[in-house]
Amino acid sequence: MPGTECDLHRIPTVELHRHFEAGLRPEMIARLAQRNHLTEARTRTGLLIEELDPCDPESIRRYYAEIATRFPGPGGFARFVDSFGVALGVFRTPEDLEEAVFDQLIDCAEGGSLHTELRGSPLTYGEHVAASHDEIVQALVGGVQRAWDERRVSGTFLLAFSRQRGLPGYDKVLPGGQAAPVAELAAKYHRPDCPVGLDIAGFPETTFPPLAFVEPLRSAREAGVPLTVHSGEQGEPPHFHDAPPTLIVEAVERLGATRIGHGTSLVASADVRTFVRERGVAVECCPVSNERMGFVRIPDHPLPLFLREHLLVSIGTDDPLMFGPFSVTDTFAAIAGPLGLQPSDLVQLTLNGLGSAFITEERRQQLRARLEAAGF
């Protein structure tokens, strides 16, 4: 692999694409399970996982290692989403959420991250946590603020919803869908001096395109909430019919997205790549996740192309609990050889991440000063 392990671990990183509950280490999940006296684990759809002890980190690790081998097959994405139930099931109080956010940000910082952004759905956490959605968001944002106040560890929380449950008539619990309530929560808690982001995740993209969310996200746009949209992840090359690059243009022009999650379909259109570059839209690539889900092999990933064309691209772990590795440094180490990347590319990815993070300009300058102090 280009560069030495020591070289890579000297380079500070930035992570912009990491799902909160899927970024928890098995040890944290087990600790919360023990605290809340949990003796069983279930999938998102409620199926009991008989072989899993939620209080045993090794049992959790074995479960995800085994189930991940089946993600690339038929129904793999639904199986992947269902596996989130193990991590989600250990949250019972707002204090659990705040501690887990704090713990994860500290863990990422100890792994070399200058700034880490976590994302998750307050409505989903409300399925297990006996608290209002406002109290849940306060806990999530509180964990971010605590990390900065106590340890000067930088983070941002992005409130998320799934597009397939976002619109009226598509969510069993909320008749009006999840998009508008989550957007309103983001608008309520976002402040210029303490940003809260918004994320659209889920599938399928063509059935629930960005245009459908213009009105539900109005409150967030009017409040200046920064937006990222999962797009271009699940289509198949070379044409990406199920997730075409035109949807990326739509997300930027109609929703005001300033970042795109994954963006793999950009490889199919030089015109859209030019559009993204000229608009200064950032791309959050997750090559390990893309391969583990069977979307694109690491050697075929367009990340080197994005770097050559000077897109504002960074890399994330996405869902390290399911896929590993748990840090951007180790993610880069896993892809550098197959993609022909150099340590200097990791420096550029860090600079790109700092330039597109959902943070104040004052914080951005503070973090850039840290990067310069480290010699980069």
Protein backbone atom coordinates (compact mmCIF):
# COMPACT_ATOMS: atom_id res chain seq x y z
CA MET A 1 0.00 0.00 0.00
CA PRO A 2 1.34 3.48 -0.79
CA GLY A 3 2.74 5.15 2.30
CA THR A 4 3.41 3.56 5.65
CA GLU A 5 0.95 2.94 8.44
CA CYS A 6 2.80 5.55 10.50
CA ASP A 7 2.44 8.10 7.70
CA LEU A 8 -1.32 7.65 7.56
CA HIS A 9 -1.90 7.79 11.30
CA ARG A 10 -0.10 11.15 11.46
CA ILE A 11 -2.65 12.72 9.12
CA PRO A 12 -5.71 14.22 10.83
CA THR A 13 -9.02 13.29 9.21
CA VAL A 14 -12.57 14.59 8.88
CA GLU A 15 -15.63 12.35 8.72
CA LEU A 16 -18.91 13.66 7.30
CA HIS A 17 -20.85 10.45 6.59
CA ARG A 18 -21.38 8.21 9.62
CA HIS A 19 -24.71 6.87 10.87
CA PHE A 20 -24.91 7.30 14.63
CA GLU A 21 -26.33 3.96 15.80
CA ALA A 22 -24.31 2.08 13.16
CA GLY A 23 -21.16 3.82 14.38
CA LEU A 24 -21.43 2.47 17.91
CA ARG A 25 -18.77 0.01 18.91
CA PRO A 26 -20.06 -3.33 20.26
CA GLU A 27 -18.65 -2.38 23.68
CA MET A 28 -20.91 0.69 23.84
CA ILE A 29 -23.96 -1.29 22.76
CA ALA A 30 -23.23 -3.89 25.45
CA ARG A 31 -22.74 -1.23 28.11
CA LEU A 32 -26.13 0.33 27.36
CA ALA A 33 -27.78 -3.09 27.25
CA GLN A 34 -26.36 -3.91 30.68
CA ARG A 35 -27.47 -0.55 32.09
CA ASN A 36 -31.00 -1.08 30.81
CA HIS A 37 -31.14 -4.75 31.89
CA LEU A 38 -31.75 -6.06 28.39
CA THR A 39 -31.52 -9.79 27.84
CA GLU A 40 -32.56 -10.10 24.20
CA ALA A 41 -32.03 -8.38 20.86
CA ARG A 42 -34.42 -7.96 17.96
CA THR A 43 -34.24 -6.77 14.37
CA ARG A 44 -36.01 -3.61 13.21
CA THR A 45 -38.96 -5.75 12.14
CA GLY A 46 -39.16 -7.33 15.60
CA LEU A 47 -37.63 -10.74 14.98
CA LEU A 48 -35.84 -12.21 18.00
CA ILE A 49 -32.14 -12.89 17.36
CA GLU A 50 -31.77 -15.97 19.51
CA GLU A 51 -28.01 -16.37 19.08
CA LEU A 52 -27.20 -12.81 20.16
CA ASP A 53 -26.50 -11.65 23.72
CA PRO A 54 -26.83 -7.82 23.70
CA CYS A 55 -24.65 -7.58 26.81
CA ASP A 56 -21.71 -9.36 25.18
CA PRO A 57 -19.56 -7.34 22.75
CA GLU A 58 -18.17 -10.46 21.12
CA SER A 59 -21.66 -11.82 20.51
CA ILE A 60 -22.63 -8.53 18.85
CA ARG A 61 -19.46 -8.57 16.76
CA ARG A 62 -20.09 -12.15 15.60
CA TYR A 63 -23.67 -11.34 14.65
CA TYR A 64 -22.69 -8.47 12.39
CA ALA A 65 -19.75 -10.33 10.87
CA GLU A 66 -22.06 -13.20 9.92
CA ILE A 67 -24.98 -11.15 8.64
CA ALA A 68 -22.76 -8.82 6.62
CA THR A 69 -21.82 -11.73 4.37
CA ARG A 70 -25.43 -11.79 3.16
CA PHE A 71 -25.89 -8.07 2.50
CA PRO A 72 -24.81 -8.22 -1.19
CA GLY A 73 -27.41 -10.89 -2.06
CA PRO A 74 -31.09 -10.51 -3.00
CA GLY A 75 -32.93 -8.41 -0.42
CA GLY A 76 -29.59 -7.36 1.01
CA PHE A 77 -30.48 -3.72 1.60
CA ALA A 78 -33.64 -4.61 3.52
CA ARG A 79 -31.63 -7.13 5.58
CA PHE A 80 -29.04 -4.43 6.24
CA VAL A 81 -31.68 -1.95 7.47
CA ASP A 82 -33.26 -4.66 9.64
CA SER A 83 -29.94 -5.28 11.39
CA PHE A 84 -30.00 -1.75 12.83
CA GLY A 85 -32.46 -3.08 15.41
CA VAL A 86 -29.67 -4.41 17.64
CA ALA A 87 -28.11 -0.97 18.17
CA LEU A 88 -31.39 0.93 18.26
CA GLY A 89 -32.85 -1.42 20.84
CA VAL A 90 -30.41 -0.49 23.60
CA PHE A 91 -31.49 3.17 23.76
CA ARG A 92 -34.04 3.74 26.50
CA THR A 93 -33.48 7.28 27.80
CA PRO A 94 -32.31 10.65 26.47
CA GLU A 95 -29.26 10.19 28.71
CA ASP A 96 -28.38 7.03 26.77
CA LEU A 97 -28.43 9.01 23.53
CA GLU A 98 -26.37 11.90 24.87
CA GLU A 99 -23.74 9.59 26.34
CA ALA A 100 -23.53 7.55 23.14
CA VAL A 101 -23.06 10.67 20.99
CA PHE A 102 -20.38 11.98 23.34
CA ASP A 103 -18.64 8.58 23.52
CA GLN A 104 -18.63 8.12 19.75
CA LEU A 105 -17.26 11.59 19.03
CA ILE A 106 -14.46 11.07 21.55
CA ASP A 107 -13.71 7.66 20.04
CA CYS A 108 -13.50 9.18 16.55
CA ALA A 109 -11.25 11.99 17.79
CA GLU A 110 -8.93 9.47 19.41
CA GLY A 111 -8.81 7.74 16.02
CA GLY A 112 -7.53 10.93 14.40
CA SER A 113 -10.71 12.81 13.41
CA LEU A 114 -10.59 16.61 13.66
CA HIS A 115 -14.34 16.76 13.13
CA THR A 116 -17.03 14.06 12.94
CA GLU A 117 -20.63 14.34 11.80
CA LEU A 118 -23.17 11.81 13.03
CA ARG A 119 -26.63 11.35 11.55
CA GLY A 120 -29.77 9.62 12.70
CA SER A 121 -33.53 9.80 12.98
CA PRO A 122 -35.07 11.27 16.15
CA LEU A 123 -38.36 9.63 15.16
CA THR A 124 -36.70 6.21 15.03
CA TYR A 125 -35.07 6.72 18.43
CA GLY A 126 -38.51 7.64 19.74
CA GLU A 127 -39.66 4.07 19.07
CA HIS A 128 -37.60 2.95 22.08
CA VAL A 129 -36.84 6.07 24.11
CA ALA A 130 -39.64 7.21 26.42
CA ALA A 131 -39.28 10.92 25.64
CA SER A 132 -40.62 13.55 23.28
CA HIS A 133 -38.92 14.16 19.96
CA ASP A 134 -37.78 17.52 21.28
CA GLU A 135 -36.11 15.86 24.27
CA ILE A 136 -34.45 13.35 21.95
CA VAL A 137 -33.02 16.08 19.71
CA GLN A 138 -31.86 18.02 22.76
CA ALA A 139 -29.98 14.91 23.92
CA LEU A 140 -28.34 14.36 20.52
CA VAL A 141 -27.26 17.99 20.21
CA GLY A 142 -26.32 17.98 23.88
CA GLY A 143 -23.85 15.14 23.31
CA VAL A 144 -22.20 17.16 20.54
CA GLN A 145 -21.97 20.27 22.70
CA ARG A 146 -20.65 18.31 25.67
CA ALA A 147 -17.85 16.84 23.54
CA TRP A 148 -16.75 20.36 22.59
CA ASP A 149 -17.18 21.87 26.06
CA GLU A 150 -15.39 19.10 27.95
CA ARG A 151 -12.82 17.84 25.45
CA ARG A 152 -12.73 20.36 22.60
CA VAL A 153 -13.79 17.54 20.27
CA SER A 154 -15.68 18.87 17.25
CA GLY A 155 -18.88 17.32 15.94
CA THR A 156 -22.25 18.04 14.35
CA PHE A 157 -25.49 16.06 14.44
CA LEU A 158 -27.62 15.67 11.32
CA LEU A 159 -31.28 14.79 11.79
CA ALA A 160 -32.34 12.21 9.21
CA PHE A 161 -35.40 10.55 7.74
CA SER A 162 -35.90 7.77 5.21
CA ARG A 163 -37.36 8.86 1.87
CA GLN A 164 -39.61 5.78 1.70
CA ARG A 165 -41.27 6.89 4.96
CA GLY A 166 -41.07 10.61 4.36
CA LEU A 167 -44.27 11.46 2.52
CA PRO A 168 -47.96 11.38 3.49
CA GLY A 169 -49.39 7.88 3.42
CA TYR A 170 -46.05 6.06 3.58
CA ASP A 171 -45.41 5.87 7.33
CA LYS A 172 -47.51 3.63 9.58
CA VAL A 173 -47.07 5.85 12.65
CA LEU A 174 -47.17 9.33 11.12
CA PRO A 175 -49.91 9.69 8.49
CA GLY A 176 -48.25 12.84 7.20
CA GLY A 177 -44.88 11.16 6.80
CA GLN A 178 -41.54 11.77 8.49
CA ALA A 179 -40.03 14.46 6.27
CA ALA A 180 -41.93 17.50 7.54
CA PRO A 181 -41.62 16.71 11.29
CA VAL A 182 -37.88 16.04 11.03
CA ALA A 183 -37.37 19.19 8.95
CA GLU A 184 -39.27 21.19 11.55
CA LEU A 185 -37.13 19.74 14.35
CA ALA A 186 -33.98 20.65 12.42
CA ALA A 187 -35.30 24.17 11.86
CA LYS A 188 -36.13 24.52 15.55
CA TYR A 189 -32.74 23.45 16.88
CA HIS A 190 -30.39 24.73 14.16
CA ARG A 191 -28.52 27.88 15.15
CA PRO A 192 -25.87 29.76 13.20
CA ASP A 193 -23.51 29.37 16.17
CA CYS A 194 -24.42 25.67 16.70
CA PRO A 195 -25.45 24.08 13.39
CA VAL A 196 -27.79 21.11 13.12
CA GLY A 197 -27.92 19.40 9.73
CA LEU A 198 -30.58 17.50 7.80
CA ASP A 199 -30.19 14.27 5.83
CA ILE A 200 -32.42 12.33 3.42
CA ALA A 201 -31.55 8.63 3.39
CA GLY A 202 -33.35 5.45 2.32
CA PHE A 203 -34.55 4.03 -1.00
CA PRO A 204 -35.72 3.86 -3.79
CA GLU A 205 -34.55 7.15 -5.23
CA THR A 206 -36.57 7.17 -8.44
CA THR A 207 -39.83 6.47 -6.59
CA PHE A 208 -39.16 9.20 -4.01
CA PRO A 209 -37.12 11.82 -5.91
CA PRO A 210 -35.91 15.10 -4.40
CA LEU A 211 -38.74 17.00 -6.08
CA ALA A 212 -41.26 15.22 -3.84
CA PHE A 213 -39.67 16.77 -0.73
CA VAL A 214 -39.63 20.42 -1.75
CA GLU A 215 -42.67 21.35 0.33
CA PRO A 216 -42.03 19.04 3.34
CA LEU A 217 -38.53 20.54 3.76
CA ARG A 218 -39.59 24.15 3.39
CA SER A 219 -39.23 24.96 7.11
CA ALA A 220 -35.64 23.70 7.15
CA ARG A 221 -34.68 25.65 4.03
CA GLU A 222 -36.16 28.85 5.43
CA ALA A 223 -34.20 28.34 8.67
CA GLY A 224 -30.95 27.86 6.79
CA VAL A 225 -30.48 24.23 7.85
CA PRO A 226 -27.65 22.66 5.80
CA LEU A 227 -28.79 19.63 3.80
CA THR A 228 -27.17 16.48 2.50
CA VAL A 229 -28.99 13.87 0.43
CA HIS A 230 -28.15 10.20 -0.09
CA SER A 231 -28.07 9.92 -3.87
CA GLY A 232 -26.49 7.78 -6.54
CA GLU A 233 -25.67 4.99 -4.10
CA GLN A 234 -27.83 2.08 -5.20
CA GLY A 235 -27.86 2.27 -8.99
CA GLU A 236 -25.92 -0.21 -11.09
CA PRO A 237 -23.14 0.95 -13.41
CA PRO A 238 -22.69 2.01 -16.08
CA HIS A 239 -26.02 3.86 -16.44
CA PHE A 240 -27.40 3.89 -12.86
CA HIS A 241 -31.02 3.74 -14.03
CA ASP A 242 -32.28 3.22 -10.45
CA ALA A 243 -30.31 6.19 -9.11
CA PRO A 244 -29.41 8.44 -12.06
CA PRO A 245 -27.08 11.42 -11.67
CA THR A 246 -29.91 13.74 -12.75
CA LEU A 247 -31.39 13.22 -9.27
CA ILE A 248 -28.24 14.79 -7.82
CA VAL A 249 -28.88 17.90 -9.90
CA GLU A 250 -32.49 17.89 -8.69
CA ALA A 251 -31.41 17.62 -5.05
CA VAL A 252 -29.14 20.64 -5.46
CA GLU A 253 -31.43 22.83 -7.52
CA ARG A 254 -34.79 22.05 -5.91
CA LEU A 255 -33.83 21.26 -2.30
CA GLY A 256 -30.68 23.31 -1.88
CA ALA A 257 -28.47 20.35 -0.97
CA THR A 258 -24.87 21.38 -0.44
CA ARG A 259 -23.59 17.82 -0.01
CA ILE A 260 -24.41 14.47 -1.61
CA GLY A 261 -24.06 11.19 0.25
CA HIS A 262 -22.23 8.51 -1.78
CA GLY A 263 -22.73 10.11 -5.23
CA THR A 264 -21.37 7.03 -7.00
CA SER A 265 -23.61 7.64 -10.03
CA LEU A 266 -21.64 10.79 -10.82
CA VAL A 267 -19.23 8.55 -12.71
CA ALA A 268 -21.93 8.21 -15.39
CA SER A 269 -22.09 11.91 -16.29
CA ALA A 270 -19.23 14.33 -16.90
CA ASP A 271 -21.79 17.11 -17.21
CA VAL A 272 -23.20 16.47 -13.75
CA ARG A 273 -19.70 16.25 -12.28
CA THR A 274 -18.98 19.66 -13.79
CA PHE A 275 -22.23 20.96 -12.32
CA VAL A 276 -21.31 19.62 -8.87
CA ARG A 277 -17.80 21.08 -9.02
CA GLU A 278 -18.93 24.50 -10.23
CA ARG A 279 -21.66 24.68 -7.57
CA GLY A 280 -19.20 23.71 -4.84
CA VAL A 281 -21.34 20.73 -3.84
CA ALA A 282 -19.44 18.22 -1.72
CA VAL A 283 -19.54 14.44 -2.19
CA GLU A 284 -19.37 12.06 0.79
CA CYS A 285 -17.87 8.83 -0.61
CA CYS A 286 -18.06 5.54 1.28
CA PRO A 287 -16.09 3.01 -0.82
CA VAL A 288 -15.94 0.20 1.76
CA SER A 289 -19.68 0.40 2.38
CA ASN A 290 -20.40 0.47 -1.36
CA GLU A 291 -18.43 -2.74 -1.89
CA ARG A 292 -19.83 -4.57 1.14
CA MET A 293 -23.37 -3.83 -0.04
CA GLY A 294 -22.56 -5.13 -3.52
CA PHE A 295 -23.02 -1.78 -5.30
CA VAL A 296 -19.48 -1.20 -6.60
CA ARG A 297 -16.15 -2.96 -6.03
CA ILE A 298 -13.44 -0.89 -4.37
CA PRO A 299 -11.08 -1.18 -7.40
CA ASP A 300 -13.88 0.23 -9.58
CA HIS A 301 -14.86 3.07 -7.26
CA PRO A 302 -14.82 6.55 -8.87
CA LEU A 303 -13.10 8.25 -5.92
CA PRO A 304 -9.78 8.71 -7.81
CA LEU A 305 -11.70 10.27 -10.71
CA PHE A 306 -13.44 12.66 -8.32
CA LEU A 307 -10.08 13.66 -6.85
CA ARG A 308 -8.51 14.20 -10.28
CA GLU A 309 -11.42 16.40 -11.32
CA HIS A 310 -11.16 18.41 -8.09
CA LEU A 311 -14.58 17.60 -6.71
CA LEU A 312 -15.03 18.50 -3.05
CA VAL A 313 -14.92 14.84 -2.05
CA SER A 314 -14.34 13.25 1.36
CA ILE A 315 -14.66 9.68 2.66
CA GLY A 316 -16.70 8.23 5.51
CA THR A 317 -17.14 4.95 7.32
CA ASP A 318 -20.93 5.04 6.77
CA ASP A 319 -21.93 2.09 8.98
CA PRO A 320 -18.77 0.70 10.62
CA LEU A 321 -20.69 -1.58 12.99
CA MET A 322 -21.89 -3.52 9.95
CA PHE A 323 -18.92 -3.10 7.64
CA GLY A 324 -15.87 -1.82 9.53
CA PRO A 325 -13.39 -0.12 9.68
CA PHE A 326 -14.30 2.30 12.48
CA SER A 327 -12.04 5.20 11.45
CA VAL A 328 -11.43 7.23 8.30
CA THR A 329 -7.73 6.43 8.58
CA ASP A 330 -8.36 2.69 8.50
CA THR A 331 -10.94 3.16 5.73
CA PHE A 332 -8.34 4.98 3.65
CA ALA A 333 -5.79 2.24 4.38
CA ALA A 334 -8.26 -0.36 3.08
CA ILE A 335 -8.84 1.43 -0.22
CA ALA A 336 -5.48 3.10 -0.93
CA GLY A 337 -3.83 0.09 -2.55
CA PRO A 338 -6.68 -0.93 -4.88
CA LEU A 339 -7.30 2.69 -5.89
CA GLY A 340 -3.67 3.78 -6.16
CA LEU A 341 -4.04 6.54 -3.59
CA GLN A 342 -1.17 8.27 -1.78
CA PRO A 343 -1.02 9.78 1.75
CA SER A 344 -1.24 13.19 0.07
CA ASP A 345 -4.71 12.19 -1.13
CA LEU A 346 -5.80 11.68 2.48
CA VAL A 347 -4.59 15.20 3.26
CA GLN A 348 -6.71 16.51 0.38
CA LEU A 349 -9.74 14.53 1.59
CA THR A 350 -9.30 16.12 5.01
CA LEU A 351 -9.08 19.61 3.52
CA ASN A 352 -12.20 18.90 1.45
CA GLY A 353 -14.00 17.68 4.55
CA LEU A 354 -13.11 20.81 6.48
CA GLY A 355 -14.29 22.95 3.60
CA SER A 356 -17.71 21.25 3.43
CA ALA A 357 -18.42 20.44 7.10
CA PHE A 358 -21.63 21.76 8.64
CA ILE A 359 -19.85 24.03 11.12
CA THR A 360 -19.39 27.73 11.79
CA GLU A 361 -16.65 29.60 9.98
CA GLU A 362 -14.98 30.25 13.33
CA ARG A 363 -14.85 26.50 14.04
CA ARG A 364 -13.58 25.84 10.51
CA GLN A 365 -10.67 28.20 11.08
CA GLN A 366 -9.91 26.63 14.46
CA LEU A 367 -9.77 23.16 12.89
CA ARG A 368 -7.65 24.35 10.00
CA ALA A 369 -5.22 25.79 12.51
CA ARG A 370 -5.04 22.37 14.19
CA LEU A 371 -4.30 20.77 10.82
CA GLU A 372 -1.54 23.26 10.13
CA ALA A 373 -0.11 22.75 13.62
CA ALA A 374 0.10 19.03 12.80
CA GLY A 375 2.22 19.90 9.78
CA PHE A 376 -0.36 19.55 6.98
